[in-house]
């Protein structure tokens, strides 16, 4: 027991010597038990993790916004192209009746032999009108001897087919059908063989 008392006094004097010599351990806290240090980077690690998580979240938001904006640009460009392609649709649809009249007039003009110069001039105007409309995306529908399709054709009447091969096929075209940029703007009115 005497030895324990001497050891405690030696420990106490050793602590006093460290304090007087300037060798104070500033990393220990007297109010805490154990060997905890004040300068441990415990809180720094949790802050770094929080910042990394926040950075990842912001990156994800940024990537999503960029993707949304790219989708918006593509959708806007597609809508603009569709608008440009179909902007003149009403005008072209109204001109289809004029084009039909031109076709009928051309058949009449070609059957006559008189006034060759006038005939050539009128045919030039008709061809110019056709070429202008075709350059805007108008395309005539091919119907003669094609199978009848109710999505494309409008049957006016049925007549007995001249041959067995023409049954269920289009024999005559009353009104020509047209596409505008591969979309139907007028259905063909046809006569179908039965």
Protein backbone atom coordinates (compact mmCIF):
# COMPACT_ATOMS: atom_id res chain seq x y z
CA UNK A 1 0.00 0.00 0.00
CA UNK A 2 2.87 2.27 0.71
CA UNK A 3 4.21 1.62 -2.78
CA UNK A 4 0.89 2.75 -4.38
CA UNK A 5 1.09 6.00 -2.49
CA UNK A 6 4.63 6.61 -3.74
CA UNK A 7 3.61 5.84 -7.34
CA UNK A 8 0.73 8.35 -7.13
CA UNK A 9 3.03 11.04 -5.78
CA UNK A 10 5.56 10.34 -8.55
CA UNK A 11 2.84 10.59 -11.17
CA UNK A 12 1.60 13.86 -9.68
CA UNK A 13 5.09 15.36 -9.59
CA UNK A 14 5.67 14.21 -13.21
CA UNK A 15 2.50 16.04 -14.31
CA UNK A 16 3.62 19.17 -12.46
CA UNK A 17 7.06 18.99 -14.14
CA UNK A 18 5.44 18.80 -17.57
CA UNK A 19 3.32 21.86 -16.81
CA UNK A 20 6.30 23.87 -15.57
CA UNK A 21 8.51 22.82 -18.48
CA UNK A 22 5.89 23.93 -21.05
CA UNK A 23 5.15 20.36 -22.12
CA UNK A 24 1.40 20.63 -21.61
CA UNK A 25 -0.67 18.25 -23.73
CA UNK A 26 -3.15 20.67 -25.25
CA UNK A 27 -4.93 17.92 -27.13
CA UNK A 28 -6.53 16.45 -24.03
CA UNK A 29 -9.68 17.66 -22.42
CA UNK A 30 -9.82 17.26 -18.66
CA UNK A 31 -13.61 17.02 -18.61
CA UNK A 32 -13.65 13.98 -20.94
CA UNK A 33 -12.52 10.56 -19.94
CA UNK A 34 -10.41 8.43 -22.22
CA UNK A 35 -7.99 9.60 -24.89
CA UNK A 36 -10.23 11.85 -27.05
CA UNK A 37 -8.48 14.65 -28.85
CA UNK A 38 -9.93 18.04 -29.73
CA UNK A 39 -8.30 18.24 -33.15
CA UNK A 40 -9.72 15.00 -34.57
CA UNK A 41 -11.21 15.48 -38.10
CA UNK A 42 -14.51 13.71 -37.31
CA UNK A 43 -16.73 16.67 -38.25
CA UNK A 44 -14.68 17.41 -41.41
CA UNK A 45 -15.38 13.96 -42.84
CA UNK A 46 -19.13 14.33 -42.33
CA UNK A 47 -19.05 17.81 -43.92
CA UNK A 48 -17.13 16.47 -46.93
CA UNK A 49 -19.70 13.68 -47.33
CA UNK A 50 -22.55 16.21 -47.14
CA UNK A 51 -20.88 18.41 -49.74
CA UNK A 52 -20.26 15.44 -52.03
CA UNK A 53 -23.90 14.39 -51.74
CA UNK A 54 -25.06 17.93 -52.45
CA UNK A 55 -22.69 18.19 -55.43
CA UNK A 56 -24.00 14.89 -56.84
CA UNK A 57 -27.57 16.11 -56.42
CA UNK A 58 -26.80 19.39 -58.21
CA UNK A 59 -25.01 17.51 -61.02
CA UNK A 60 -28.05 15.28 -61.45
CA UNK A 61 -30.36 18.31 -61.60
CA UNK A 62 -28.07 19.97 -64.14
CA UNK A 63 -27.94 16.90 -66.37
CA UNK A 64 -31.73 16.59 -66.25
CA UNK A 65 -32.21 20.26 -67.15
CA UNK A 66 -29.80 19.95 -70.08
CA UNK A 67 -31.66 16.85 -71.30
CA UNK A 68 -35.03 18.62 -70.95
CA UNK A 69 -33.71 21.59 -72.90
CA UNK A 70 -32.35 19.35 -75.69
CA UNK A 71 -35.74 17.60 -75.91
CA UNK A 72 -37.46 20.99 -76.05
CA UNK A 73 -35.18 22.13 -78.88
CA UNK A 74 -35.80 18.94 -80.88
CA UNK A 75 -39.56 19.11 -80.33
CA UNK A 76 -39.62 22.80 -81.26
CA UNK A 77 -37.59 22.18 -84.44
CA UNK A 78 -39.88 19.29 -85.43
CA UNK A 79 -43.01 21.39 -84.85
CA UNK A 80 -41.51 24.26 -86.82
CA UNK A 81 -40.72 21.94 -89.75
CA UNK A 82 -44.25 20.51 -89.69
CA UNK A 83 -45.66 24.02 -89.60
CA UNK A 84 -43.52 25.11 -92.54
CA UNK A 85 -44.40 21.98 -94.51
CA UNK A 86 -48.12 22.35 -93.94
CA UNK A 87 -48.33 26.15 -93.77
CA UNK A 88 -49.56 26.36 -97.34
CA UNK A 89 -51.81 23.34 -97.03
CA UNK A 90 -55.05 25.31 -97.27
CA UNK A 91 -53.85 27.27 -100.27
CA UNK A 92 -52.60 24.13 -102.02
CA UNK A 93 -55.85 22.32 -101.23
CA UNK A 94 -57.81 25.19 -102.80
CA UNK A 95 -55.54 25.08 -105.85
CA UNK A 96 -56.29 21.39 -106.43
CA UNK A 97 -59.57 22.31 -108.13
CA UNK A 98 -57.64 24.68 -110.41
CA UNK A 99 -55.16 21.89 -111.14
CA UNK A 100 -58.06 19.57 -112.05
CA UNK A 101 -59.39 22.22 -114.43
CA UNK A 102 -55.91 22.52 -115.96
CA UNK A 103 -55.81 18.75 -116.54
CA UNK A 104 -59.22 18.82 -118.25
CA UNK A 105 -58.28 21.84 -120.35
CA UNK A 106 -54.99 20.18 -121.36
CA UNK A 107 -56.86 17.12 -122.64
CA UNK A 108 -59.12 19.36 -124.71
CA UNK A 109 -56.23 21.44 -126.06
CA UNK A 110 -54.18 18.38 -127.02
CA UNK A 111 -57.09 16.94 -129.01
CA UNK A 112 -57.18 20.01 -131.29
CA UNK A 113 -54.66 20.85 -133.95
CA UNK A 114 -55.36 24.57 -134.37
CA UNK A 115 -53.38 27.50 -132.86
CA UNK A 116 -50.19 25.62 -132.11
CA UNK A 117 -48.51 28.69 -130.47
CA UNK A 118 -51.43 29.33 -128.11
CA UNK A 119 -51.55 25.65 -127.26
CA UNK A 120 -47.82 25.63 -126.34
CA UNK A 121 -48.18 28.78 -124.22
CA UNK A 122 -51.13 27.41 -122.26
CA UNK A 123 -49.37 24.07 -121.70
CA UNK A 124 -46.30 25.94 -120.41
CA UNK A 125 -48.48 27.74 -117.83
CA UNK A 126 -50.14 24.48 -116.76
CA UNK A 127 -46.76 22.74 -116.39
CA UNK A 128 -45.38 25.68 -114.41
CA UNK A 129 -48.33 25.49 -112.00
CA UNK A 130 -47.86 21.72 -111.58
CA UNK A 131 -44.10 22.02 -111.05
CA UNK A 132 -44.56 24.79 -108.48
CA UNK A 133 -47.06 22.72 -106.50
CA UNK A 134 -44.94 19.58 -106.78
CA UNK A 135 -41.89 21.46 -105.49
CA UNK A 136 -43.94 22.39 -102.39
CA UNK A 137 -44.49 18.72 -101.58
CA UNK A 138 -47.63 17.95 -103.58
CA UNK A 139 -47.66 14.48 -105.10
CA UNK A 140 -50.43 12.85 -107.16
CA UNK A 141 -51.81 9.51 -106.04
CA UNK A 142 -51.42 6.56 -108.44
CA UNK A 143 -54.75 4.73 -108.52
CA UNK A 144 -55.53 3.08 -111.87
CA UNK A 145 -55.32 -0.75 -111.66
CA UNK A 146 -54.35 -0.54 -107.97
CA UNK A 147 -56.24 -2.54 -105.31
CA UNK A 148 -59.02 -0.53 -103.71
CA UNK A 149 -57.98 0.83 -100.31
CA UNK A 150 -60.70 2.64 -98.31
CA UNK A 151 -58.01 4.58 -96.41
CA UNK A 152 -56.80 6.17 -99.66
CA UNK A 153 -59.73 5.95 -102.05
CA UNK A 154 -63.38 6.92 -102.06
CA UNK A 155 -65.49 4.56 -104.17
CA UNK A 156 -68.07 6.41 -106.23
CA UNK A 157 -69.53 3.32 -107.87
CA UNK A 158 -68.82 -0.30 -108.74
CA UNK A 159 -69.04 -1.69 -112.23
CA UNK A 160 -68.51 -5.20 -113.59
CA UNK A 161 -64.79 -5.75 -114.12
CA UNK A 162 -63.75 -6.23 -117.78
CA UNK A 163 -61.35 -9.02 -116.70
CA UNK A 164 -61.05 -11.23 -113.65
CA UNK A 165 -57.71 -9.58 -112.82
CA UNK A 166 -59.42 -6.22 -112.25
CA UNK A 167 -61.92 -7.45 -109.68
CA UNK A 168 -61.50 -5.41 -106.49
CA UNK A 169 -59.19 -3.01 -108.32
CA UNK A 170 -59.68 0.55 -109.48
CA UNK A 171 -60.87 0.76 -113.09
CA UNK A 172 -61.32 4.53 -113.48
CA UNK A 173 -60.43 7.68 -111.59
CA UNK A 174 -63.07 10.42 -111.36
CA UNK A 175 -61.14 12.86 -109.11
CA UNK A 176 -57.37 12.54 -108.59
CA UNK A 177 -56.09 12.09 -105.05
CA UNK A 178 -53.07 13.97 -103.70
CA UNK A 179 -50.47 13.78 -100.94
CA UNK A 180 -48.80 16.79 -99.37
CA UNK A 181 -45.48 15.79 -97.78
CA UNK A 182 -46.65 12.16 -97.64
CA UNK A 183 -49.93 13.06 -95.88
CA UNK A 184 -53.21 12.67 -97.73
CA UNK A 185 -54.87 16.00 -98.42
CA UNK A 186 -57.49 14.68 -100.86
CA UNK A 187 -58.78 11.13 -101.33
CA UNK A 188 -59.14 9.84 -104.86
CA UNK A 189 -62.70 9.32 -106.08
CA UNK A 190 -62.68 6.11 -108.08
CA UNK A 191 -64.70 3.46 -109.87
CA UNK A 192 -64.05 -0.08 -108.61
CA UNK A 193 -64.48 -3.33 -110.53
CA UNK A 194 -66.61 -6.08 -109.03
